Amino acid sequence: MADLHIQICYAEPDFHLLRDLTVAEGTTLQQAIMQSGVLREVTAIDLTACKVGIYGKLKTPDTVLREHDRIEIYRPLIADPKDSRRLRAESKARKKN
């Protein structure tokens, strides 16, 4: 079995983590996250609440990794982006009147 070279990344407004990792062929996304030690280092990550993906595309934790995949751990949204845009537009319209 060959080894795969991957990356794991996670970001917050004032902190980011990018870790290179070598895993065995056939390793799943969740297994790689567990092996990386990221969950011990960043206790704010809760995989039951956080979505994960590879290169910006949402994936399930049982996705089998390929060479040079970059696993991304996404934080839960604090606010719905559509609601935020609507509120900004309404606020802007009120300021003009």
C-alpha atoms as a PDB file:
ATOM      1  CA  MET A   1       0.000   0.000   0.000  1.00  0.00           C
ATOM      2  CA  ALA A   2       1.255   3.497  -0.857  1.00  0.00           C
ATOM      3  CA  ASP A   3       1.275   6.510   1.400  1.00  0.00           C
ATOM      4  CA  LEU A   4      -0.741   9.625   0.549  1.00  0.00           C
ATOM      5  CA  HIS A   5       0.423  13.174   1.230  1.00  0.00           C
ATOM      6  CA  ILE A   6      -2.475  15.363   2.333  1.00  0.00           C
ATOM      7  CA  GLN A   7      -3.154  18.589   4.204  1.00  0.00           C
ATOM      8  CA  ILE A   8      -5.650  19.459   6.910  1.00  0.00           C
ATOM      9  CA  CYS A   9      -6.753  23.036   7.432  1.00  0.00           C
ATOM     10  CA  TYR A  10      -8.987  24.889   9.841  1.00  0.00           C
ATOM     11  CA  ALA A  11      -9.387  28.635  10.311  1.00  0.00           C
ATOM     12  CA  GLU A  12     -10.933  31.067  12.737  1.00  0.00           C
ATOM     13  CA  PRO A  13     -10.830  34.867  12.461  1.00  0.00           C
ATOM     14  CA  ASP A  14      -7.614  35.130  14.497  1.00  0.00           C
ATOM     15  CA  PHE A  15      -6.143  31.628  14.113  1.00  0.00           C
ATOM     16  CA  HIS A  16      -5.418  29.220  11.297  1.00  0.00           C
ATOM     17  CA  LEU A  17      -3.982  25.749  11.117  1.00  0.00           C
ATOM     18  CA  LEU A  18      -2.495  24.049   8.064  1.00  0.00           C
ATOM     19  CA  ARG A  19      -0.929  20.679   8.684  1.00  0.00           C
ATOM     20  CA  ASP A  20       0.803  18.331   6.260  1.00  0.00           C
ATOM     21  CA  LEU A  21       0.157  14.673   6.942  1.00  0.00           C
ATOM     22  CA  THR A  22       1.087  11.333   5.442  1.00  0.00           C
ATOM     23  CA  VAL A  23      -1.590   8.641   5.665  1.00  0.00           C
ATOM     24  CA  ALA A  24      -2.024   5.146   4.291  1.00  0.00           C
ATOM     25  CA  GLU A  25      -3.892   4.598   1.058  1.00  0.00           C
ATOM     26  CA  GLY A  26      -7.558   3.876   1.838  1.00  0.00           C
ATOM     27  CA  THR A  27      -7.690   6.309   4.775  1.00  0.00           C
ATOM     28  CA  THR A  28     -10.986   8.173   5.137  1.00  0.00           C
ATOM     29  CA  LEU A  29     -11.416  11.858   5.760  1.00  0.00           C
ATOM     30  CA  GLN A  30     -12.477  11.279   9.369  1.00  0.00           C
ATOM     31  CA  GLN A  31      -9.608   8.878  10.051  1.00  0.00           C
ATOM     32  CA  ALA A  32      -7.101  11.439   8.780  1.00  0.00           C
ATOM     33  CA  ILE A  33      -8.556  14.147  11.020  1.00  0.00           C
ATOM     34  CA  MET A  34      -8.336  11.817  14.013  1.00  0.00           C
ATOM     35  CA  GLN A  35      -4.735  10.824  13.165  1.00  0.00           C
ATOM     36  CA  SER A  36      -3.646  14.430  12.713  1.00  0.00           C
ATOM     37  CA  GLY A  37      -4.131  15.408  16.363  1.00  0.00           C
ATOM     38  CA  VAL A  38      -6.030  18.537  15.295  1.00  0.00           C
ATOM     39  CA  LEU A  39      -8.984  17.697  17.564  1.00  0.00           C
ATOM     40  CA  ARG A  40      -6.710  17.582  20.621  1.00  0.00           C
ATOM     41  CA  GLU A  41      -4.993  20.823  19.627  1.00  0.00           C
ATOM     42  CA  VAL A  42      -8.119  22.827  18.730  1.00  0.00           C
ATOM     43  CA  THR A  43     -10.811  21.884  21.224  1.00  0.00           C
ATOM     44  CA  ALA A  44     -13.321  24.218  19.520  1.00  0.00           C
ATOM     45  CA  ILE A  45     -13.671  21.716  16.664  1.00  0.00           C
ATOM     46  CA  ASP A  46     -16.717  19.516  17.090  1.00  0.00           C
ATOM     47  CA  LEU A  47     -17.046  17.142  14.158  1.00  0.00           C
ATOM     48  CA  THR A  48     -20.710  16.568  14.985  1.00  0.00           C
ATOM     49  CA  ALA A  49     -21.369  20.274  14.325  1.00  0.00           C
ATOM     50  CA  CYS A  50     -18.644  21.150  11.808  1.00  0.00           C
ATOM     51  CA  LYS A  51     -18.892  20.235   8.158  1.00  0.00           C
ATOM     52  CA  VAL A  52     -15.862  18.955   6.301  1.00  0.00           C
ATOM     53  CA  GLY A  53     -14.772  19.075   2.698  1.00  0.00           C
ATOM     54  CA  ILE A  54     -11.962  18.686   0.227  1.00  0.00           C
ATOM     55  CA  TYR A  55     -10.900  21.757  -1.760  1.00  0.00           C
ATOM     56  CA  GLY A  56     -14.113  23.644  -0.997  1.00  0.00           C
ATOM     57  CA  LYS A  57     -16.526  20.818  -1.782  1.00  0.00           C
ATOM     58  CA  LEU A  58     -18.505  19.282   1.068  1.00  0.00           C
ATOM     59  CA  LYS A  59     -17.703  15.636   1.676  1.00  0.00           C
ATOM     60  CA  THR A  60     -18.861  12.953   4.078  1.00  0.00           C
ATOM     61  CA  PRO A  61     -16.494  11.747   6.809  1.00  0.00           C
ATOM     62  CA  ASP A  62     -16.259   8.326   5.137  1.00  0.00           C
ATOM     63  CA  THR A  63     -14.823   9.777   1.898  1.00  0.00           C
ATOM     64  CA  VAL A  64     -11.640   7.926   0.936  1.00  0.00           C
ATOM     65  CA  LEU A  65      -8.733  10.301   0.411  1.00  0.00           C
ATOM     66  CA  ARG A  66      -6.551  10.698  -2.670  1.00  0.00           C
ATOM     67  CA  GLU A  67      -3.013  12.001  -3.101  1.00  0.00           C
ATOM     68  CA  HIS A  68      -2.664  15.740  -2.342  1.00  0.00           C
ATOM     69  CA  ASP A  69      -6.213  16.192  -0.993  1.00  0.00           C
ATOM     70  CA  ARG A  70      -6.660  19.190   1.300  1.00  0.00           C
ATOM     71  CA  ILE A  71      -9.173  18.457   4.047  1.00  0.00           C
ATOM     72  CA  GLU A  72     -11.010  21.555   5.214  1.00  0.00           C
ATOM     73  CA  ILE A  73     -12.877  21.700   8.518  1.00  0.00           C
ATOM     74  CA  TYR A  74     -15.594  24.355   8.359  1.00  0.00           C
ATOM     75  CA  ARG A  75     -16.919  26.268  11.370  1.00  0.00           C
ATOM     76  CA  PRO A  76     -20.688  26.415  11.855  1.00  0.00           C
ATOM     77  CA  LEU A  77     -22.217  29.608  10.480  1.00  0.00           C
ATOM     78  CA  ILE A  78     -23.116  32.170  13.110  1.00  0.00           C
ATOM     79  CA  ALA A  79     -25.624  33.873  10.826  1.00  0.00           C
ATOM     80  CA  ASP A  80     -27.303  32.949   7.571  1.00  0.00           C
ATOM     81  CA  PRO A  81     -25.425  34.814   4.782  1.00  0.00           C
ATOM     82  CA  LYS A  82     -28.693  35.611   2.992  1.00  0.00           C
ATOM     83  CA  ASP A  83     -30.152  37.177   6.131  1.00  0.00           C
ATOM     84  CA  SER A  84     -26.959  39.160   6.704  1.00  0.00           C
ATOM     85  CA  ARG A  85     -27.029  40.572   3.157  1.00  0.00           C
ATOM     86  CA  ARG A  86     -30.715  41.461   3.488  1.00  0.00           C
ATOM     87  CA  LEU A  87     -30.126  43.267   6.789  1.00  0.00           C
ATOM     88  CA  ARG A  88     -27.193  45.225   5.333  1.00  0.00           C
ATOM     89  CA  ALA A  89     -29.291  46.238   2.321  1.00  0.00           C
ATOM     90  CA  GLU A  90     -32.175  47.344   4.547  1.00  0.00           C
ATOM     91  CA  SER A  91     -29.803  49.337   6.752  1.00  0.00           C
ATOM     92  CA  LYS A  92     -28.257  51.025   3.709  1.00  0.00           C
ATOM     93  CA  ALA A  93     -31.704  51.895   2.346  1.00  0.00           C
ATOM     94  CA  ARG A  94     -32.735  53.444   5.694  1.00  0.00           C
ATOM     95  CA  LYS A  95     -29.579  55.596   5.759  1.00  0.00           C
ATOM     96  CA  LYS A  96     -30.390  57.005   2.304  1.00  0.00           C
ATOM     97  CA  ASN A  97     -33.915  58.042   3.374  1.00  0.00           C
END
